Amino acid sequence: MAQLVQPNLSLNLNQFFQKHILLNDLQYDYYSKYLAAACKSQGGSEVVILTKEGSLLNVLSYFNTEYEPVFVSWAPPTLSAHTGYGTSHSSSSDNVLVVVTTENALCMYKNSSNCVGAWDLVFRSTELSKSISCLATTGVPGTAGGNVDNLLVALGSHLGVVTVVPLNTLSLPNRPVNHRENTPLENHSVTGSVETLNAHNGGVTALGFSSPDPMSGNKLMLATGGLDNTVKLWEYEDNFMLKKVLKLAPSEETCTTYLGDGAAEKEGHRALKRVSSLAFSKRGELAAATDSSVYIFGNAHDWVLFQVLSLGTSHQEKNAGGPSGALERHGERGLVLSFSNDKLVLMRDTESYVLKRSDKGLFEMESRLER
C-alpha cells in the first residue's frame, strides 16, 4: 500500500503511477475516511481510492474506466450497505461510488472489502442526461425506521437544468455490468418520477446535497451553482422547492481571508463568477468555490455569508491570459473543495490548501503545498 503525503495529490499520484496525472474531481466519503480521485493520464483513465492515516494518504485501490471520469460521489454509508447483487444482506464493508464519464454515462461501482481490491461496475446508463456538467448524490430517508433505501442522483447540465433521479439500489443487476453494456433507464433503475429544476441561466456548474438531521429539524437541501453569480438552495419534501438565492457578494461585515496571491489582487472584482464546486459541512455550513475565491455561508442566521477565502488568479489562468466566460473543460474547472470533519480542503491546478476551523468558527490556513 503506497503512502502519499497529504494533500498535493496531483504531484504524488504522478509519482505513484509513474506518469502524468490530471485530477478532475476529488471527494471524501461521509466519514472523511476514504477519498476518491477521478483521474486521467496518457495511458488511460482511473478512479483512485485513498485513505487517511495521520498526515499521510494511502492508496487502497484503483480501477480503470473506459471513458474519462470527470465527477465522483460516494453513496451514503447506510445506503452502501444495501447494494448487494440481488441480496438484502447488509455489510459495513460495502462501498458504492457514483461516477460520471465524458460520454455522459452515469455509472455505479461497488466494493465489498473496505475499498481494498476489485471494484465492480453494477449500473451504467447514458439515458439520464445528454449534457452532464456536474454531479451530487444523497440518500432519502425511508418510511421504515428511517432507513435509507433510495439514492437521489442530481445531474447538472450545460443548459441550466438539474435532473434529479431516484435510483433504487435494492434492484441493481444481479451481476456486474460489462463496461460496454448500457442498462436501459426503464429497466429496474428508477423508483420514482424524474424531477427537473430550471436552475441557472448559462448552465449549471456545481451541485451539493446537505446531510439532513431529523432530530434538529434540518431538511434535505440541494445547492446549485452556475454562471449567473448565484447559488440557489432547494429544500426537499415531496419534491424540491426553491428556498433561497445566495449572491456571491461580500458585505462590509464579511471576514475576508487572503491565501496565496489573493492579497495582491484584493482590489480586483469580476462581474461574472462561475461556481466551480459546492459542499456542505456536517455543521450545515455551505461553501461555494469560484475560480479564485471560496464563499462560506452559515445556516444559523438564514444563510449569511460570514467568510470569504481569496486565492487570487491561478498559475494556469495567468499563463492563459485570464479565465474565459464560457464553461471550461472538466480538467480546468477551477477550485475543487471538500469538507473533512473540521477541515476544508481546496485544490486548484497544482496548488493544495488545507484550512482548519478556529475557535472563533473561521477557517484558517493550516498548510499549503505547490508543485
Protein backbone atom coordinates (compact mmCIF):
# COMPACT_ATOMS: atom_id res chain seq x y z
CA MET A 1 0.00 0.00 0.00
CA ALA A 2 1.71 3.18 -1.20
CA GLN A 3 1.88 6.23 1.03
CA LEU A 4 1.28 9.75 -0.25
CA VAL A 5 1.98 12.97 1.63
CA GLN A 6 -1.23 14.95 2.08
CA PRO A 7 -2.62 16.95 0.33
CA ASN A 8 -0.79 17.56 -3.00
CA LEU A 9 -2.50 14.68 -4.78
CA SER A 10 -1.61 15.62 -8.35
CA LEU A 11 2.12 15.53 -7.63
CA ASN A 12 2.02 12.36 -5.54
CA LEU A 13 -0.28 10.45 -7.88
CA ASN A 14 2.20 11.25 -10.64
CA GLN A 15 4.89 9.60 -8.53
CA PHE A 16 2.74 6.59 -7.65
CA PHE A 17 1.64 5.78 -11.21
CA GLN A 18 4.94 6.92 -12.78
CA LYS A 19 3.07 9.06 -15.31
CA HIS A 20 1.43 12.48 -15.54
CA ILE A 21 -2.00 12.51 -13.87
CA LEU A 22 -4.74 15.08 -14.47
CA LEU A 23 -7.04 15.30 -11.45
CA ASN A 24 -10.67 16.01 -12.45
CA ASP A 25 -12.53 15.56 -9.16
CA LEU A 26 -11.86 14.73 -5.52
CA GLN A 27 -14.46 13.67 -2.94
CA TYR A 28 -14.37 12.43 0.66
CA ASP A 29 -16.90 9.87 1.84
CA TYR A 30 -19.39 10.70 4.62
CA TYR A 31 -16.98 9.82 7.44
CA SER A 32 -13.98 11.53 5.78
CA LYS A 33 -12.23 8.14 5.88
CA TYR A 34 -11.91 7.46 2.16
CA LEU A 35 -11.01 9.81 -0.67
CA ALA A 36 -11.96 9.17 -4.31
CA ALA A 37 -9.97 10.90 -7.08
CA ALA A 38 -11.13 10.94 -10.71
CA CYS A 39 -8.01 10.98 -12.88
CA LYS A 40 -6.88 10.98 -16.49
CA SER A 41 -3.45 10.09 -17.84
CA GLN A 42 -1.84 9.34 -21.18
CA GLY A 43 -2.24 5.64 -20.53
CA GLY A 44 -5.95 5.74 -19.69
CA SER A 45 -8.43 6.81 -17.03
CA GLU A 46 -8.59 5.79 -13.38
CA VAL A 47 -10.55 6.34 -10.20
CA VAL A 48 -8.13 6.15 -7.26
CA ILE A 49 -9.25 5.34 -3.71
CA LEU A 50 -7.17 6.63 -0.80
CA THR A 51 -7.46 6.64 2.98
CA LYS A 52 -6.04 8.95 5.65
CA GLU A 53 -3.57 7.83 8.29
CA GLY A 54 -2.33 10.81 10.24
CA SER A 55 -0.77 13.25 7.79
CA LEU A 56 -0.42 10.59 5.09
CA LEU A 57 -2.72 9.33 2.37
CA ASN A 58 -2.51 5.65 1.45
CA VAL A 59 -3.59 4.29 -1.93
CA LEU A 60 -6.03 1.45 -1.21
CA SER A 61 -7.19 0.58 -4.71
CA TYR A 62 -7.95 1.96 -8.14
CA PHE A 63 -9.94 0.90 -11.17
CA ASN A 64 -9.89 1.86 -14.83
CA THR A 65 -12.84 3.38 -16.66
CA GLU A 66 -13.50 3.07 -20.38
CA TYR A 67 -14.05 6.81 -20.70
CA GLU A 68 -12.52 9.63 -18.70
CA PRO A 69 -14.12 10.01 -15.22
CA VAL A 70 -14.95 13.65 -14.60
CA PHE A 71 -17.13 13.51 -11.46
CA VAL A 72 -17.23 11.12 -8.48
CA SER A 73 -19.57 10.91 -5.50
CA TRP A 74 -19.91 8.44 -2.60
CA ALA A 75 -23.24 6.82 -1.83
CA PRO A 76 -24.34 7.34 1.81
CA PRO A 77 -22.93 4.67 4.15
CA THR A 78 -26.28 3.15 5.16
CA LEU A 79 -27.27 3.02 1.52
CA SER A 80 -23.98 1.41 0.53
CA ALA A 81 -24.74 -1.46 2.88
CA HIS A 82 -27.86 -2.37 0.86
CA THR A 83 -26.32 -2.72 -2.59
CA GLY A 84 -25.61 -6.42 -2.78
CA TYR A 85 -26.15 -8.14 -6.11
CA GLY A 86 -29.73 -9.26 -5.58
CA THR A 87 -29.34 -9.74 -1.82
CA SER A 88 -30.71 -7.81 1.13
CA HIS A 89 -27.83 -8.66 3.46
CA SER A 90 -26.04 -5.52 4.61
CA SER A 91 -22.34 -5.22 5.23
CA SER A 92 -20.38 -2.37 6.75
CA SER A 93 -17.55 -3.19 4.33
CA ASP A 94 -19.68 -2.33 1.26
CA ASN A 95 -18.92 0.93 -0.52
CA VAL A 96 -20.57 2.42 -3.60
CA LEU A 97 -19.16 5.11 -5.88
CA VAL A 98 -21.18 7.05 -8.44
CA VAL A 99 -19.09 8.17 -11.43
CA VAL A 100 -19.92 10.35 -14.43
CA THR A 101 -17.72 9.93 -17.51
CA THR A 102 -17.11 12.04 -20.59
CA GLU A 103 -19.72 10.26 -22.73
CA ASN A 104 -22.42 11.42 -20.25
CA ALA A 105 -22.71 7.99 -18.65
CA LEU A 106 -23.82 7.57 -15.04
CA CYS A 107 -22.02 4.57 -13.52
CA MET A 108 -22.17 2.88 -10.11
CA TYR A 109 -19.24 0.85 -8.80
CA LYS A 110 -19.29 -1.40 -5.74
CA ASN A 111 -16.57 -2.76 -3.48
CA SER A 112 -17.26 -5.22 -0.65
CA SER A 113 -13.90 -5.24 1.10
CA ASN A 114 -13.43 -1.81 2.71
CA CYS A 115 -12.25 -0.23 -0.57
CA VAL A 116 -9.43 -2.77 -0.99
CA GLY A 117 -9.25 -4.93 -4.11
CA ALA A 118 -11.59 -5.02 -7.08
CA TRP A 119 -14.47 -2.66 -7.84
CA ASP A 120 -17.44 -3.99 -9.85
CA LEU A 121 -19.47 -1.91 -12.28
CA VAL A 122 -23.07 -2.65 -11.22
CA PHE A 123 -25.01 0.03 -13.11
CA ARG A 124 -24.49 2.16 -16.20
CA SER A 125 -26.82 4.41 -18.18
CA THR A 126 -26.33 7.08 -20.83
CA GLU A 127 -30.05 7.94 -20.96
CA LEU A 128 -30.36 10.22 -17.95
CA SER A 129 -28.84 13.39 -19.39
CA LYS A 130 -27.18 14.30 -22.67
CA SER A 131 -25.10 17.16 -21.29
CA ILE A 132 -23.88 16.39 -17.75
CA SER A 133 -21.88 19.23 -16.21
CA CYS A 134 -21.83 18.22 -12.50
CA LEU A 135 -22.96 15.52 -10.07
CA ALA A 136 -24.22 15.09 -6.50
CA THR A 137 -25.73 12.14 -4.62
CA THR A 138 -27.53 11.59 -1.33
CA GLY A 139 -29.86 9.15 0.37
CA VAL A 140 -33.53 9.74 1.08
CA PRO A 141 -34.83 8.56 4.49
CA GLY A 142 -37.31 5.71 4.02
CA THR A 143 -40.53 5.18 5.92
CA ALA A 144 -39.42 2.05 7.75
CA GLY A 145 -37.41 3.11 10.77
CA GLY A 146 -35.75 5.95 8.91
CA ASN A 147 -33.52 3.59 6.92
CA VAL A 148 -32.00 4.93 3.74
CA ASP A 149 -33.19 2.74 0.87
CA ASN A 150 -33.12 5.14 -2.07
CA LEU A 151 -30.36 7.08 -3.75
CA LEU A 152 -31.04 10.53 -5.17
CA VAL A 153 -28.71 11.46 -8.01
CA ALA A 154 -28.64 15.09 -9.16
CA LEU A 155 -27.17 15.81 -12.59
CA GLY A 156 -26.48 19.37 -13.71
CA SER A 157 -26.43 20.31 -17.39
CA HIS A 158 -24.88 22.97 -19.61
CA LEU A 159 -28.44 24.06 -20.45
CA GLY A 160 -29.12 25.24 -16.88
CA VAL A 161 -31.36 22.32 -15.91
CA VAL A 162 -30.86 19.96 -12.96
CA THR A 163 -32.22 16.43 -13.31
CA VAL A 164 -32.92 14.61 -10.03
CA VAL A 165 -33.26 10.85 -10.42
CA PRO A 166 -34.26 8.41 -7.62
CA LEU A 167 -32.39 5.13 -8.11
CA ASN A 168 -33.43 2.04 -6.16
CA THR A 169 -30.21 0.38 -5.05
CA LEU A 170 -32.08 -2.76 -3.99
CA SER A 171 -32.86 -3.58 -7.63
CA LEU A 172 -29.43 -3.36 -9.18
CA PRO A 173 -28.41 -6.14 -11.60
CA ASN A 174 -27.50 -9.49 -10.03
CA ARG A 175 -24.04 -9.45 -11.60
CA PRO A 176 -21.52 -6.79 -12.63
CA VAL A 177 -22.43 -4.96 -15.80
CA ASN A 178 -19.94 -5.08 -18.67
CA HIS A 179 -18.35 -1.71 -19.41
CA ARG A 180 -19.86 -1.67 -22.90
CA GLU A 181 -23.33 -2.79 -21.87
CA ASN A 182 -25.86 0.00 -21.37
CA THR A 183 -28.52 -0.55 -18.72
CA PRO A 184 -31.80 0.99 -20.00
CA LEU A 185 -33.38 3.70 -17.91
CA GLU A 186 -36.69 1.85 -17.70
CA ASN A 187 -35.07 -1.42 -16.59
CA HIS A 188 -35.04 -1.69 -12.76
CA SER A 189 -33.33 1.66 -12.31
CA VAL A 190 -35.88 4.37 -11.45
CA THR A 191 -38.13 4.13 -8.39
CA GLY A 192 -39.99 7.45 -8.72
CA SER A 193 -40.59 10.30 -11.07
CA VAL A 194 -37.61 12.13 -12.54
CA GLU A 195 -37.65 15.76 -11.41
CA THR A 196 -36.23 18.64 -13.43
CA LEU A 197 -35.32 22.04 -11.99
CA ASN A 198 -34.76 25.11 -14.13
CA ALA A 199 -31.87 26.33 -12.03
CA HIS A 200 -29.45 28.75 -13.73
CA ASN A 201 -29.08 30.79 -16.88
CA GLY A 202 -25.97 29.84 -18.81
CA GLY A 203 -25.50 26.37 -17.34
CA VAL A 204 -25.21 24.53 -14.01
CA THR A 205 -21.60 24.19 -12.90
CA ALA A 206 -21.79 22.75 -9.36
CA LEU A 207 -24.13 20.75 -7.11
CA GLY A 208 -24.12 19.69 -3.46
CA PHE A 209 -26.51 17.92 -1.06
CA SER A 210 -26.76 18.64 2.66
CA SER A 211 -26.94 15.93 5.31
CA PRO A 212 -30.47 16.13 6.77
CA ASP A 213 -30.88 15.85 10.53
CA PRO A 214 -34.45 14.90 11.55
CA MET A 215 -33.61 15.46 15.24
CA SER A 216 -32.80 19.14 14.66
CA GLY A 217 -35.46 19.65 12.02
CA ASN A 218 -32.95 20.29 9.23
CA LYS A 219 -34.38 19.06 5.94
CA LEU A 220 -32.55 17.72 2.92
CA MET A 221 -31.31 20.57 0.73
CA LEU A 222 -29.74 20.75 -2.71
CA ALA A 223 -27.37 23.60 -3.56
CA THR A 224 -26.93 24.53 -7.21
CA GLY A 225 -24.41 26.95 -8.71
CA GLY A 226 -23.90 28.34 -12.18
CA LEU A 227 -22.58 31.18 -14.30
CA ASP A 228 -25.09 33.75 -13.04
CA ASN A 229 -23.21 34.78 -9.88
CA THR A 230 -25.68 32.95 -7.60
CA VAL A 231 -26.06 29.82 -5.53
CA LYS A 232 -29.60 28.50 -5.14
CA LEU A 233 -30.87 26.37 -2.25
CA TRP A 234 -33.67 23.88 -2.91
CA GLU A 235 -35.49 22.22 0.02
CA TYR A 236 -36.87 18.70 -0.30
CA GLU A 237 -40.18 17.38 0.98
CA ASP A 238 -42.15 15.55 -1.69
CA ASN A 239 -40.13 17.41 -4.31
CA PHE A 240 -37.54 20.18 -4.44
CA MET A 241 -38.73 23.76 -3.95
CA LEU A 242 -36.57 26.88 -4.29
CA LYS A 243 -35.86 28.13 -0.76
CA LYS A 244 -33.13 30.77 -1.05
CA VAL A 245 -30.98 32.56 -3.61
CA LEU A 246 -27.48 33.44 -2.36
CA LYS A 247 -25.39 36.07 -4.12
CA LEU A 248 -21.60 35.83 -4.13
CA ALA A 249 -21.14 39.41 -2.95
CA PRO A 250 -19.50 40.01 0.47
CA SER A 251 -20.67 42.85 2.70
CA GLU A 252 -18.53 45.10 4.90
CA GLU A 253 -19.18 42.73 7.82
CA THR A 254 -17.89 39.67 5.96
CA CYS A 255 -14.49 38.38 7.09
CA THR A 256 -12.11 38.03 4.13
CA THR A 257 -9.02 35.83 4.41
CA TYR A 258 -6.35 36.14 1.72
CA LEU A 259 -4.46 32.99 0.73
CA GLY A 260 -1.59 32.65 -1.72
CA ASP A 261 -1.62 35.56 -4.18
CA GLY A 262 -5.08 36.70 -3.12
CA ALA A 263 -3.80 39.72 -1.16
CA ALA A 264 -2.19 41.21 -4.24
CA GLU A 265 -5.47 41.05 -6.13
CA LYS A 266 -7.94 42.00 -3.44
CA GLU A 267 -8.98 45.18 -5.24
CA GLY A 268 -9.96 43.31 -8.39
CA HIS A 269 -13.56 42.15 -8.94
CA ARG A 270 -15.07 40.05 -11.68
CA ALA A 271 -18.55 40.84 -12.91
CA LEU A 272 -19.33 37.16 -13.51
CA LYS A 273 -18.36 34.38 -11.12
CA ARG A 274 -18.53 30.74 -12.18
CA VAL A 275 -19.32 28.44 -9.25
CA SER A 276 -16.90 25.53 -9.65
CA SER A 277 -17.64 23.49 -6.51
CA LEU A 278 -20.18 23.28 -3.66
CA ALA A 279 -20.00 21.41 -0.35
CA PHE A 280 -21.98 21.28 2.91
CA SER A 281 -20.16 20.70 6.20
CA LYS A 282 -21.56 18.38 8.85
CA ARG A 283 -22.44 21.52 10.83
CA GLY A 284 -24.64 22.63 7.94
CA GLU A 285 -22.42 25.38 6.55
CA LEU A 286 -22.26 25.80 2.79
CA ALA A 287 -19.02 26.52 0.92
CA ALA A 288 -19.16 27.77 -2.67
CA ALA A 289 -15.96 27.95 -4.72
CA THR A 290 -15.30 30.05 -7.82
CA ASP A 291 -12.10 30.24 -9.87
CA SER A 292 -10.29 32.26 -7.20
CA SER A 293 -12.44 32.50 -4.03
CA VAL A 294 -14.45 30.43 -1.57
CA TYR A 295 -17.65 31.84 -0.04
CA ILE A 296 -18.78 30.25 3.24
CA PHE A 297 -22.39 30.64 4.39
CA GLY A 298 -23.80 29.72 7.81
CA ASN A 299 -27.34 28.39 8.16
CA ALA A 300 -27.85 29.62 11.74
CA HIS A 301 -28.94 33.08 10.55
CA ASP A 302 -30.72 32.46 7.28
CA TRP A 303 -27.59 31.63 5.27
CA VAL A 304 -25.49 34.72 5.97
CA LEU A 305 -22.13 34.94 4.19
CA PHE A 306 -19.63 35.02 7.09
CA GLN A 307 -16.26 34.36 5.44
CA VAL A 308 -14.57 34.70 2.05
CA LEU A 309 -11.28 32.97 1.20
CA SER A 310 -9.44 34.73 -1.62
CA LEU A 311 -6.73 32.85 -3.52
CA GLY A 312 -6.10 35.20 -6.44
CA THR A 313 -5.55 34.13 -10.04
CA SER A 314 -4.23 30.61 -10.56
CA HIS A 315 -0.97 29.92 -12.38
CA GLN A 316 -2.96 28.31 -15.18
CA GLU A 317 -5.13 31.42 -15.65
CA LYS A 318 -2.08 33.70 -15.61
CA ASN A 319 -0.36 31.63 -18.27
CA ALA A 320 -3.52 31.58 -20.38
CA GLY A 321 -4.12 35.31 -20.06
CA GLY A 322 -7.10 35.02 -17.71
CA PRO A 323 -10.27 32.93 -17.45
CA SER A 324 -12.89 32.67 -20.17
CA GLY A 325 -16.57 33.31 -19.58
CA ALA A 326 -17.66 30.04 -21.19
CA LEU A 327 -17.98 26.70 -19.44
CA GLU A 328 -14.50 25.19 -19.33
CA ARG A 329 -13.45 21.60 -19.85
CA HIS A 330 -13.51 19.37 -16.80
CA GLY A 331 -9.76 19.46 -16.23
CA GLU A 332 -9.91 23.28 -15.92
CA ARG A 333 -12.88 23.58 -13.62
CA GLY A 334 -11.40 25.99 -11.09
CA LEU A 335 -11.30 25.34 -7.37
CA VAL A 336 -12.41 21.94 -6.07
CA LEU A 337 -13.35 21.84 -2.38
CA SER A 338 -14.33 19.21 0.13
CA PHE A 339 -15.04 19.22 3.87
CA SER A 340 -13.17 16.75 6.07
CA ASN A 341 -14.61 16.98 9.58
CA ASP A 342 -13.47 20.43 10.84
CA LYS A 343 -11.12 20.98 7.91
CA LEU A 344 -11.69 22.43 4.46
CA VAL A 345 -9.55 21.05 1.61
CA LEU A 346 -9.06 23.19 -1.52
CA MET A 347 -7.37 22.10 -4.74
CA ARG A 348 -6.65 24.09 -7.90
CA ASP A 349 -4.19 23.18 -10.65
CA THR A 350 -1.07 22.15 -8.69
CA GLU A 351 -1.94 24.14 -5.55
CA SER A 352 -3.39 22.45 -2.47
CA TYR A 353 -4.68 24.13 0.69
CA VAL A 354 -5.88 22.69 3.99
CA LEU A 355 -7.74 25.06 6.32
CA LYS A 356 -8.72 24.30 9.90
CA ARG A 357 -11.64 25.75 11.82
CA SER A 358 -10.50 28.15 14.57
CA ASP A 359 -12.08 28.64 17.99
CA LYS A 360 -13.96 31.61 16.50
CA GLY A 361 -15.51 29.39 13.84
CA LEU A 362 -13.47 30.87 10.98
CA PHE A 363 -11.26 28.81 8.68
CA GLU A 364 -7.52 29.50 8.88
CA MET A 365 -4.61 28.22 6.81
CA GLU A 366 -3.06 25.02 8.16
CA SER A 367 -0.88 24.01 5.22
CA ARG A 368 -0.21 24.80 1.58
CA LEU A 369 1.65 22.77 -1.00
CA GLU A 370 2.58 23.76 -4.52
CA ARG A 371 4.31 21.85 -7.26
